[in-house]
């Protein structure tokens, strides 16, 4: 049913995956060369920063795969919410969604390593909130799956009693 706790977890997972589209994922700044790289779900921008803090775009690379995986993850979570009559399908969709979210996380990490190569500087850059909330979505997805499994056990035990 839609008012179950697993639906809340899956809805939070979907909202978080959509939020990834609007939040920064990673950035790196080299104070020696006054250059920075910023990663979002749609692009990795290589910018030059002047003394007053104004950024000038040097180049950019599209990172649409992150956005595609985030939208796909949100869509699968919403489909899973409305598949409440078939708990086995819900568990399968949540497993698929975990793989999609893991792919989104790995793709983000891959692009951040490419950004490190662009700006030669000390350190490896800073992961931003957009990167970390993928883990929150994975956690909510796992909790939703756990409660779906718990409901399935409850239904099967009730069938045995009859």
N, C-alpha and C. Protein backbone atom coordinates (compact mmCIF):
# COMPACT_ATOMS: atom_id res chain seq x y z
N UNK A 1 0.83 -1.18 0.00
CA UNK A 1 0.00 0.00 0.00
C UNK A 1 0.88 1.25 0.00
N UNK A 2 0.32 2.32 -0.47
CA UNK A 2 1.11 3.54 -0.61
C UNK A 2 1.49 4.18 0.72
N UNK A 3 0.74 3.91 1.78
CA UNK A 3 1.05 4.55 3.05
C UNK A 3 2.03 3.74 3.90
N UNK A 4 2.62 2.72 3.36
CA UNK A 4 3.57 1.89 4.09
C UNK A 4 4.92 2.60 4.21
N UNK A 5 5.70 2.19 5.19
CA UNK A 5 6.99 2.84 5.45
C UNK A 5 7.96 2.65 4.29
N UNK A 6 7.86 1.50 3.60
CA UNK A 6 8.78 1.30 2.46
C UNK A 6 8.49 2.30 1.34
N UNK A 7 7.25 2.72 1.21
CA UNK A 7 6.92 3.73 0.20
C UNK A 7 7.56 5.06 0.54
N UNK A 8 7.63 5.38 1.83
CA UNK A 8 8.28 6.62 2.26
C UNK A 8 9.77 6.56 1.93
N UNK A 9 10.41 5.43 2.24
CA UNK A 9 11.83 5.29 1.94
C UNK A 9 12.10 5.37 0.43
N UNK A 10 11.26 4.73 -0.35
CA UNK A 10 11.45 4.77 -1.80
C UNK A 10 11.18 6.17 -2.36
N UNK A 11 10.23 6.88 -1.78
CA UNK A 11 9.97 8.26 -2.22
C UNK A 11 11.16 9.16 -1.88
N UNK A 12 11.72 8.99 -0.70
CA UNK A 12 12.92 9.76 -0.33
C UNK A 12 14.06 9.44 -1.29
N UNK A 13 14.19 8.17 -1.63
CA UNK A 13 15.23 7.76 -2.58
C UNK A 13 15.03 8.44 -3.93
N UNK A 14 13.80 8.50 -4.41
CA UNK A 14 13.51 9.16 -5.69
C UNK A 14 13.78 10.66 -5.62
N UNK A 15 13.39 11.29 -4.53
CA UNK A 15 13.61 12.73 -4.37
C UNK A 15 15.10 13.04 -4.34
N UNK A 16 15.86 12.22 -3.64
CA UNK A 16 17.30 12.43 -3.56
C UNK A 16 17.95 12.26 -4.93
N UNK A 17 17.50 11.28 -5.69
CA UNK A 17 18.09 11.09 -7.02
C UNK A 17 17.78 12.26 -7.95
N UNK A 18 16.62 12.88 -7.79
CA UNK A 18 16.30 14.07 -8.57
C UNK A 18 17.13 15.26 -8.08
N UNK A 19 17.36 15.33 -6.77
CA UNK A 19 18.15 16.44 -6.21
C UNK A 19 19.59 16.43 -6.72
N UNK A 20 20.09 15.26 -7.07
CA UNK A 20 21.45 15.16 -7.60
C UNK A 20 21.61 16.02 -8.85
N UNK A 21 20.55 16.16 -9.60
CA UNK A 21 20.60 16.94 -10.84
C UNK A 21 20.90 18.42 -10.58
N UNK A 22 20.59 18.91 -9.39
CA UNK A 22 20.71 20.33 -9.10
C UNK A 22 21.84 20.68 -8.14
N UNK A 23 22.54 19.69 -7.64
CA UNK A 23 23.59 19.93 -6.65
C UNK A 23 24.98 19.67 -7.22
N UNK A 24 25.99 20.40 -6.73
CA UNK A 24 27.36 20.14 -7.17
C UNK A 24 27.85 18.81 -6.61
N UNK A 25 28.67 18.11 -7.39
CA UNK A 25 29.14 16.79 -6.97
C UNK A 25 30.60 16.80 -6.52
N UNK A 26 31.41 17.61 -7.19
CA UNK A 26 32.84 17.60 -6.89
C UNK A 26 33.45 18.89 -7.40
N UNK A 27 34.47 19.37 -6.71
CA UNK A 27 35.23 20.50 -7.25
C UNK A 27 36.67 20.42 -6.77
N UNK A 28 37.53 21.07 -7.51
CA UNK A 28 38.95 21.14 -7.16
C UNK A 28 39.46 22.51 -7.58
N UNK A 29 40.23 23.12 -6.69
CA UNK A 29 40.76 24.46 -6.96
C UNK A 29 42.27 24.43 -6.76
N UNK A 30 43.01 24.97 -7.72
CA UNK A 30 44.46 25.09 -7.63
C UNK A 30 44.79 26.57 -7.44
N UNK A 31 45.19 26.98 -6.22
CA UNK A 31 45.46 28.40 -5.99
C UNK A 31 46.70 28.93 -6.72
N UNK A 32 47.60 28.05 -7.09
CA UNK A 32 48.81 28.49 -7.80
C UNK A 32 48.49 28.97 -9.21
N UNK A 33 47.66 28.22 -9.91
CA UNK A 33 47.31 28.58 -11.29
C UNK A 33 45.98 29.32 -11.38
N UNK A 34 45.28 29.44 -10.25
CA UNK A 34 43.97 30.11 -10.20
C UNK A 34 42.97 29.44 -11.15
N UNK A 35 42.99 28.11 -11.17
CA UNK A 35 42.07 27.34 -12.01
C UNK A 35 41.27 26.39 -11.13
N UNK A 36 40.09 26.04 -11.60
CA UNK A 36 39.21 25.15 -10.85
C UNK A 36 38.46 24.24 -11.82
N UNK A 37 38.05 23.10 -11.30
CA UNK A 37 37.19 22.18 -12.03
C UNK A 37 35.97 21.93 -11.16
N UNK A 38 34.79 22.01 -11.76
CA UNK A 38 33.54 21.78 -11.04
C UNK A 38 32.73 20.72 -11.77
N UNK A 39 32.28 19.73 -11.02
CA UNK A 39 31.51 18.63 -11.60
C UNK A 39 30.07 18.71 -11.11
N UNK A 40 29.14 18.68 -12.04
CA UNK A 40 27.71 18.55 -11.74
C UNK A 40 27.19 17.34 -12.51
N UNK A 41 25.92 17.09 -12.41
CA UNK A 41 25.35 15.94 -13.11
C UNK A 41 25.34 16.13 -14.62
N UNK A 42 25.45 17.36 -15.08
CA UNK A 42 25.37 17.63 -16.51
C UNK A 42 26.69 17.98 -17.17
N UNK A 43 27.63 18.54 -16.40
CA UNK A 43 28.90 18.92 -17.04
C UNK A 43 30.02 19.02 -16.02
N UNK A 44 31.23 18.91 -16.54
CA UNK A 44 32.43 19.18 -15.77
C UNK A 44 33.05 20.43 -16.39
N UNK A 45 33.08 21.51 -15.63
CA UNK A 45 33.55 22.80 -16.15
C UNK A 45 34.95 23.10 -15.63
N UNK A 46 35.82 23.49 -16.53
CA UNK A 46 37.18 23.89 -16.23
C UNK A 46 37.21 25.40 -16.32
N UNK A 47 37.42 26.09 -15.19
CA UNK A 47 37.32 27.54 -15.16
C UNK A 47 38.60 28.18 -14.64
N UNK A 48 38.79 29.41 -15.04
CA UNK A 48 39.88 30.24 -14.53
C UNK A 48 39.26 31.26 -13.59
N UNK A 49 39.88 31.45 -12.44
CA UNK A 49 39.34 32.36 -11.44
C UNK A 49 40.29 33.54 -11.30
N UNK A 50 39.77 34.76 -11.47
CA UNK A 50 40.65 35.92 -11.31
C UNK A 50 40.67 36.36 -9.85
N UNK A 51 41.43 37.39 -9.54
CA UNK A 51 41.63 37.83 -8.16
C UNK A 51 40.34 38.27 -7.48
N UNK A 52 39.39 38.79 -8.24
CA UNK A 52 38.13 39.24 -7.65
C UNK A 52 37.12 38.10 -7.48
N UNK A 53 37.47 36.90 -7.94
CA UNK A 53 36.60 35.74 -7.78
C UNK A 53 35.69 35.46 -8.96
N UNK A 54 35.84 36.21 -10.03
CA UNK A 54 35.03 36.00 -11.22
C UNK A 54 35.58 34.80 -11.99
N UNK A 55 34.68 33.90 -12.34
CA UNK A 55 35.08 32.68 -13.05
C UNK A 55 34.89 32.84 -14.56
N UNK A 56 35.89 32.40 -15.31
CA UNK A 56 35.82 32.41 -16.77
C UNK A 56 35.93 30.98 -17.25
N UNK A 57 34.96 30.54 -18.01
CA UNK A 57 34.94 29.17 -18.51
C UNK A 57 36.04 28.96 -19.54
N UNK A 58 36.89 27.97 -19.29
CA UNK A 58 37.95 27.62 -20.23
C UNK A 58 37.46 26.52 -21.16
N UNK A 59 36.93 25.47 -20.55
CA UNK A 59 36.35 24.37 -21.34
C UNK A 59 35.36 23.62 -20.47
N UNK A 60 34.54 22.82 -21.12
CA UNK A 60 33.59 21.99 -20.38
C UNK A 60 33.41 20.66 -21.11
N UNK A 61 33.01 19.68 -20.33
CA UNK A 61 32.76 18.35 -20.88
C UNK A 61 31.40 17.90 -20.36
N UNK A 62 30.58 17.39 -21.25
CA UNK A 62 29.27 16.90 -20.85
C UNK A 62 29.40 15.63 -20.03
N UNK A 63 28.65 15.57 -18.94
CA UNK A 63 28.62 14.38 -18.09
C UNK A 63 27.17 13.91 -17.94
N UNK A 64 26.50 13.78 -19.07
CA UNK A 64 25.09 13.42 -19.05
C UNK A 64 24.81 12.04 -18.48
N UNK A 65 25.81 11.17 -18.48
CA UNK A 65 25.57 9.82 -17.95
C UNK A 65 25.17 9.87 -16.48
N UNK A 66 25.74 10.80 -15.73
CA UNK A 66 25.36 10.93 -14.33
C UNK A 66 23.88 11.32 -14.24
N UNK A 67 23.47 12.29 -15.04
CA UNK A 67 22.08 12.75 -15.03
C UNK A 67 21.13 11.65 -15.49
N UNK A 68 21.52 10.91 -16.52
CA UNK A 68 20.68 9.82 -17.03
C UNK A 68 20.49 8.76 -15.95
N UNK A 69 21.57 8.38 -15.28
CA UNK A 69 21.46 7.37 -14.23
C UNK A 69 20.64 7.88 -13.04
N UNK A 70 20.76 9.16 -12.71
CA UNK A 70 19.98 9.73 -11.61
C UNK A 70 18.48 9.73 -11.94
N UNK A 71 18.14 10.14 -13.15
CA UNK A 71 16.73 10.15 -13.56
C UNK A 71 16.19 8.72 -13.64
N UNK A 72 16.99 7.82 -14.16
CA UNK A 72 16.59 6.42 -14.24
C UNK A 72 16.37 5.84 -12.84
N UNK A 73 17.25 6.17 -11.90
CA UNK A 73 17.09 5.71 -10.52
C UNK A 73 15.83 6.24 -9.88
N UNK A 74 15.52 7.51 -10.11
CA UNK A 74 14.30 8.10 -9.56
C UNK A 74 13.06 7.45 -10.18
N UNK A 75 13.12 7.20 -11.49
CA UNK A 75 11.99 6.58 -12.18
C UNK A 75 11.74 5.16 -11.68
N UNK A 76 12.79 4.39 -11.53
CA UNK A 76 12.63 3.01 -11.04
C UNK A 76 12.09 3.01 -9.61
N UNK A 77 12.52 3.96 -8.79
CA UNK A 77 12.00 4.05 -7.42
C UNK A 77 10.50 4.36 -7.43
N UNK A 78 10.07 5.26 -8.30
CA UNK A 78 8.65 5.59 -8.38
C UNK A 78 7.83 4.43 -8.93
N UNK A 79 8.37 3.72 -9.91
CA UNK A 79 7.67 2.53 -10.43
C UNK A 79 7.55 1.49 -9.32
N UNK A 80 8.59 1.35 -8.52
CA UNK A 80 8.57 0.39 -7.42
C UNK A 80 7.50 0.76 -6.39
N UNK A 81 7.35 2.03 -6.12
CA UNK A 81 6.32 2.47 -5.16
C UNK A 81 4.94 2.04 -5.63
N UNK A 82 4.66 2.20 -6.92
CA UNK A 82 3.33 1.89 -7.44
C UNK A 82 3.16 0.43 -7.84
N UNK A 83 4.18 -0.40 -7.58
CA UNK A 83 4.06 -1.84 -7.78
C UNK A 83 3.80 -2.54 -6.45
N UNK A 84 3.09 -1.87 -5.55
CA UNK A 84 2.91 -2.38 -4.20
C UNK A 84 2.10 -3.67 -4.14
N UNK A 85 1.34 -3.99 -5.18
CA UNK A 85 0.55 -5.22 -5.17
C UNK A 85 1.40 -6.45 -5.46
N UNK A 86 2.56 -6.25 -6.03
CA UNK A 86 3.45 -7.35 -6.38
C UNK A 86 4.79 -7.12 -5.68
N UNK A 87 4.90 -7.66 -4.45
CA UNK A 87 6.09 -7.41 -3.64
C UNK A 87 7.35 -8.02 -4.23
N UNK A 88 7.23 -9.13 -4.93
CA UNK A 88 8.41 -9.74 -5.57
C UNK A 88 8.96 -8.81 -6.65
N UNK A 89 8.07 -8.23 -7.45
CA UNK A 89 8.52 -7.28 -8.48
C UNK A 89 9.14 -6.05 -7.82
N UNK A 90 8.56 -5.61 -6.69
CA UNK A 90 9.13 -4.47 -5.97
C UNK A 90 10.56 -4.76 -5.53
N UNK A 91 10.80 -5.95 -5.00
CA UNK A 91 12.15 -6.30 -4.56
C UNK A 91 13.11 -6.36 -5.75
N UNK A 92 12.64 -6.88 -6.88
CA UNK A 92 13.49 -6.93 -8.07
C UNK A 92 13.81 -5.52 -8.58
N UNK A 93 12.81 -4.65 -8.59
CA UNK A 93 13.04 -3.26 -9.01
C UNK A 93 14.01 -2.54 -8.08
N UNK A 94 13.90 -2.82 -6.78
CA UNK A 94 14.81 -2.18 -5.83
C UNK A 94 16.24 -2.69 -5.99
N UNK A 95 16.39 -3.96 -6.33
CA UNK A 95 17.73 -4.48 -6.60
C UNK A 95 18.31 -3.82 -7.85
N UNK A 96 17.50 -3.70 -8.88
CA UNK A 96 17.93 -3.00 -10.09
C UNK A 96 18.28 -1.55 -9.78
N UNK A 97 17.47 -0.92 -8.94
CA UNK A 97 17.72 0.47 -8.57
C UNK A 97 19.03 0.62 -7.79
N UNK A 98 19.34 -0.34 -6.95
CA UNK A 98 20.62 -0.30 -6.24
C UNK A 98 21.78 -0.35 -7.22
N UNK A 99 21.66 -1.17 -8.25
CA UNK A 99 22.71 -1.24 -9.27
C UNK A 99 22.82 0.08 -10.03
N UNK A 100 21.68 0.68 -10.34
CA UNK A 100 21.69 1.97 -11.05
C UNK A 100 22.34 3.05 -10.19
N UNK A 101 21.99 3.09 -8.92
CA UNK A 101 22.58 4.09 -8.02
C UNK A 101 24.08 3.86 -7.84
N UNK A 102 24.47 2.59 -7.74
CA UNK A 102 25.90 2.29 -7.68
C UNK A 102 26.62 2.74 -8.93
N UNK A 103 25.97 2.55 -10.08
CA UNK A 103 26.54 3.03 -11.34
C UNK A 103 26.66 4.54 -11.36
N UNK A 104 25.69 5.22 -10.81
CA UNK A 104 25.73 6.69 -10.73
C UNK A 104 26.89 7.13 -9.83
N UNK A 105 27.08 6.44 -8.73
CA UNK A 105 28.18 6.75 -7.82
C UNK A 105 29.53 6.52 -8.48
N UNK A 106 29.67 5.39 -9.15
CA UNK A 106 30.93 5.07 -9.83
C UNK A 106 31.20 6.03 -10.99
N UNK A 107 30.18 6.40 -11.72
CA UNK A 107 30.35 7.35 -12.83
C UNK A 107 30.79 8.71 -12.30
N UNK A 108 30.22 9.14 -11.19
CA UNK A 108 30.63 10.40 -10.58
C UNK A 108 32.09 10.35 -10.15
N UNK A 109 32.47 9.24 -9.56
CA UNK A 109 33.87 9.08 -9.13
C UNK A 109 34.80 9.07 -10.34
N UNK A 110 34.39 8.40 -11.41
CA UNK A 110 35.20 8.35 -12.63
C UNK A 110 35.45 9.75 -13.17
N UNK A 111 34.39 10.55 -13.26
CA UNK A 111 34.56 11.91 -13.78
C UNK A 111 35.40 12.77 -12.84
N UNK A 112 35.31 12.52 -11.53
CA UNK A 112 36.14 13.30 -10.61
C UNK A 112 37.61 12.96 -10.79
N UNK A 113 37.93 11.71 -11.09
CA UNK A 113 39.33 11.36 -11.35
C UNK A 113 39.82 12.00 -12.64
N UNK A 114 38.93 12.15 -13.62
CA UNK A 114 39.30 12.87 -14.85
C UNK A 114 39.54 14.35 -14.55
N UNK A 115 38.79 14.90 -13.61
CA UNK A 115 38.97 16.30 -13.23
C UNK A 115 40.29 16.54 -12.52
N UNK A 116 40.75 15.56 -11.75
CA UNK A 116 42.04 15.68 -11.08
C UNK A 116 43.15 15.79 -12.11
N UNK A 117 43.01 15.08 -13.21
CA UNK A 117 44.04 15.13 -14.26
C UNK A 117 44.06 16.48 -14.96
N UNK A 118 42.94 17.18 -14.99
CA UNK A 118 42.87 18.48 -15.68
C UNK A 118 43.59 19.56 -14.88
N UNK A 119 43.32 19.63 -13.59
CA UNK A 119 43.94 20.65 -12.74
C UNK A 119 45.04 19.97 -11.93
N UNK A 120 46.26 20.28 -12.25
CA UNK A 120 47.38 19.71 -11.52
C UNK A 120 47.59 20.51 -10.25
N UNK A 121 47.33 19.90 -9.13
CA UNK A 121 47.50 20.59 -7.86
C UNK A 121 47.57 19.59 -6.72
N UNK A 122 47.81 20.11 -5.56
CA UNK A 122 47.89 19.26 -4.38
C UNK A 122 46.49 18.82 -3.98
N UNK A 123 46.37 17.60 -3.57
CA UNK A 123 45.08 17.09 -3.12
C UNK A 123 44.27 16.50 -4.25
N UNK A 124 43.16 15.93 -3.89
CA UNK A 124 42.32 15.28 -4.88
C UNK A 124 40.99 15.94 -5.08
N UNK A 125 40.85 17.17 -4.64
CA UNK A 125 39.57 17.84 -4.80
C UNK A 125 38.65 17.53 -3.63
N UNK A 126 37.48 18.11 -3.68
CA UNK A 126 36.50 17.94 -2.60
C UNK A 126 35.20 17.41 -3.17
N UNK A 127 34.74 16.31 -2.61
CA UNK A 127 33.43 15.82 -2.98
C UNK A 127 32.39 16.69 -2.29
N UNK A 128 31.36 17.03 -3.03
CA UNK A 128 30.31 17.91 -2.54
C UNK A 128 29.08 17.08 -2.17
N UNK A 129 28.04 17.76 -1.73
CA UNK A 129 26.81 17.11 -1.25
C UNK A 129 26.16 16.23 -2.30
N UNK A 130 26.24 16.61 -3.56
CA UNK A 130 25.63 15.81 -4.62
C UNK A 130 26.21 14.41 -4.73
N UNK A 131 27.47 14.26 -4.37
CA UNK A 131 28.10 12.94 -4.41
C UNK A 131 27.65 12.11 -3.21
N UNK A 132 27.60 12.73 -2.04
CA UNK A 132 27.29 11.98 -0.82
C UNK A 132 25.82 11.57 -0.71
N UNK A 133 24.93 12.34 -1.30
CA UNK A 133 23.52 11.97 -1.14
C UNK A 133 23.14 10.75 -1.97
N UNK A 134 24.00 10.35 -2.88
CA UNK A 134 23.74 9.09 -3.58
C UNK A 134 23.75 7.95 -2.57
N UNK A 135 24.65 8.03 -1.58
CA UNK A 135 24.69 7.02 -0.52
C UNK A 135 23.41 7.04 0.31
N UNK A 136 22.85 8.22 0.52
CA UNK A 136 21.58 8.33 1.25
C UNK A 136 20.47 7.64 0.46
N UNK A 137 20.47 7.85 -0.85
CA UNK A 137 19.47 7.20 -1.70
C UNK A 137 19.63 5.68 -1.66
N UNK A 138 20.88 5.21 -1.69
CA UNK A 138 21.13 3.77 -1.59
C UNK A 138 20.64 3.21 -0.26
N UNK A 139 20.88 3.94 0.82
CA UNK A 139 20.43 3.51 2.14
C UNK A 139 18.91 3.45 2.21
N UNK A 140 18.24 4.48 1.71
CA UNK A 140 16.77 4.48 1.70
C UNK A 140 16.21 3.35 0.84
N UNK A 141 16.85 3.09 -0.28
CA UNK A 141 16.43 1.99 -1.15
C UNK A 141 16.58 0.65 -0.43
N UNK A 142 17.68 0.47 0.28
CA UNK A 142 17.90 -0.78 1.02
C UNK A 142 16.90 -0.94 2.16
N UNK A 143 16.62 0.16 2.86
CA UNK A 143 15.63 0.09 3.94
C UNK A 143 14.24 -0.21 3.38
N UNK A 144 13.90 0.39 2.26
CA UNK A 144 12.62 0.08 1.62
C UNK A 144 12.53 -1.39 1.25
N UNK A 145 13.60 -1.92 0.70
CA UNK A 145 13.63 -3.33 0.33
C UNK A 145 13.51 -4.22 1.56
N UNK A 146 14.12 -3.81 2.65
CA UNK A 146 14.04 -4.59 3.89
C UNK A 146 12.60 -4.67 4.39
N UNK A 147 11.90 -3.55 4.37
CA UNK A 147 10.52 -3.55 4.85
C UNK A 147 9.58 -4.27 3.88
N UNK A 148 9.88 -4.26 2.61
CA UNK A 148 9.08 -5.04 1.65
C UNK A 148 9.25 -6.52 1.95
N UNK A 149 10.48 -6.94 2.20
CA UNK A 149 10.75 -8.34 2.54
C UNK A 149 10.04 -8.72 3.84
N UNK A 150 10.03 -7.81 4.80
CA UNK A 150 9.35 -8.05 6.07
C UNK A 150 7.85 -8.24 5.85
N UNK A 151 7.24 -7.41 5.00
CA UNK A 151 5.82 -7.56 4.67
C UNK A 151 5.55 -8.90 3.99
N UNK A 152 6.43 -9.28 3.09
CA UNK A 152 6.27 -10.56 2.38
C UNK A 152 6.31 -11.73 3.36
N UNK A 153 7.21 -11.68 4.33
CA UNK A 153 7.27 -12.73 5.35
C UNK A 153 5.99 -12.76 6.18
N UNK A 154 5.48 -11.59 6.52
CA UNK A 154 4.25 -11.51 7.30
C UNK A 154 3.07 -12.11 6.54
N UNK A 155 2.96 -11.82 5.26
CA UNK A 155 1.88 -12.36 4.44
C UNK A 155 2.00 -13.87 4.33
N UNK A 156 3.21 -14.36 4.12
CA UNK A 156 3.40 -15.82 4.00
C UNK A 156 3.10 -16.53 5.31
N UNK A 157 3.46 -15.93 6.45
CA UNK A 157 3.16 -16.57 7.73
C UNK A 157 1.66 -16.56 7.99
N UNK A 158 0.96 -15.52 7.55
CA UNK A 158 -0.49 -15.47 7.70
C UNK A 158 -1.16 -16.51 6.81
N UNK A 159 -0.60 -16.77 5.63
CA UNK A 159 -1.13 -17.81 4.75
C UNK A 159 -0.95 -19.19 5.36
N UNK A 160 0.14 -19.40 6.08
CA UNK A 160 0.37 -20.70 6.72
C UNK A 160 -0.62 -20.95 7.84
N UNK A 161 -1.01 -19.90 8.54
CA UNK A 161 -1.92 -20.05 9.67
C UNK A 161 -3.31 -20.47 9.20
N UNK A 162 -3.73 -19.95 8.03
CA UNK A 162 -5.06 -20.28 7.52
C UNK A 162 -5.13 -21.67 7.10
